[in-house]
Amino acid sequence: MGRGTVELVDLLVLLGMGAVIPIGLALIDEPGLARLRRHWPLAAVPGALSLWLPRGGLATGSAVLYALGTLAVAAHVPVRLARTRSLAPHEIAVLTALAAPSVAGLALVAERSGHELFGFDLDILALTVPHFHYAGFTAALVAGLVCRAVPDSRAARWAALSVPVGTLLVLAGYFVDDWAELVGTAVLTTGMWLVGLLTWRDLRPRVRAGGDRGGGDGGDGPGDGDGRHRTTAALLGVSGAVLAVTMLLALWWALGEASGLPHPTLGWMAATHGVGNALGFALCSLLAWRRLARPQENAR
């Protein structure tokens, strides 16, 4: 990757570390996550520092501190599973969200140390870090929230399953070949398009009208009767609409990698697919769901 692309990817990772993860954790009703979120800067600050240090011992040590924070998040997977004893689609999505940052943390440690983990070159490891902040953590979490908010929708249940499955298939494709990665991208894209469709068609109008409070994780839902519903609906609308373009780009890139057909460069993908998913989808959707959660928190 060129220097400009590296700097852009690092900025997207910084956003994931400093904003996306802590906002997302606040949307998961799991005992212990609130305390972990309060202490998240102890992981995020050294993680951010590792990106700007030259590869070596100091950068690796800083990355390890971030990886330990992501492992603390992942440790809630078995705890939550034992507590809920549920493998409903929305729960599978939430469990995937809790586990995904640890993959990013491991990739960050390897990349900052200059170690080609499992034989992957350093550029692939560097791109794995934002991928598992956004496609792994945010996409799975939002798919789970949408599924809880539209519980009777078969499309919502499929989205809550296909986003985690697609993310895992993309990861598996790293170890198999580009065609396997294309299959994973297709499954993930299908799930994300469904999330976008449900957000735009079902949730956005309900919030805009100040409608009923549906079921996000921990009681979050698409009702907002405190005068802020238009802004929240706009954030939901942007997050849903942007997926139509960004995931099409992902399919184009994966198809090109597998078939040899012309396709965007990594730099172009970072500037379009990466920025669009980070700002247009992840940040807008999490801010919208966070706004939906606050009236319920204030009522407790």
Foldseek 3Di string as FASTA:
>chain_A
DDPVLLVLLLVLLLCLQPPLVLLLLVLAPAPPSVVLSVVSCQLSVLQSVLSPDAQDDSSLVSLVSNLVSLVVLLVCLVVVCVVPVDPQLLNVLQNQLSNLQNLLSVLSNCLSNLHCPVVNHSVVSSNSNSCSSQLRNQQSLLLSQLCQQVVVDPLSSLLSNLSSQLVVQLVVCVVPHLVSNLVSLVSNLSSLLSSLCCLQPPQLVCLLVQHDATDGHPRFGSHDDPPCSNLLSVLSNQQSVLSVPLSVLVNQVSCCRRPVDDHDDSSVNCVRNVVCSSPRHSVSNSVSSSNRCVVVVVVD
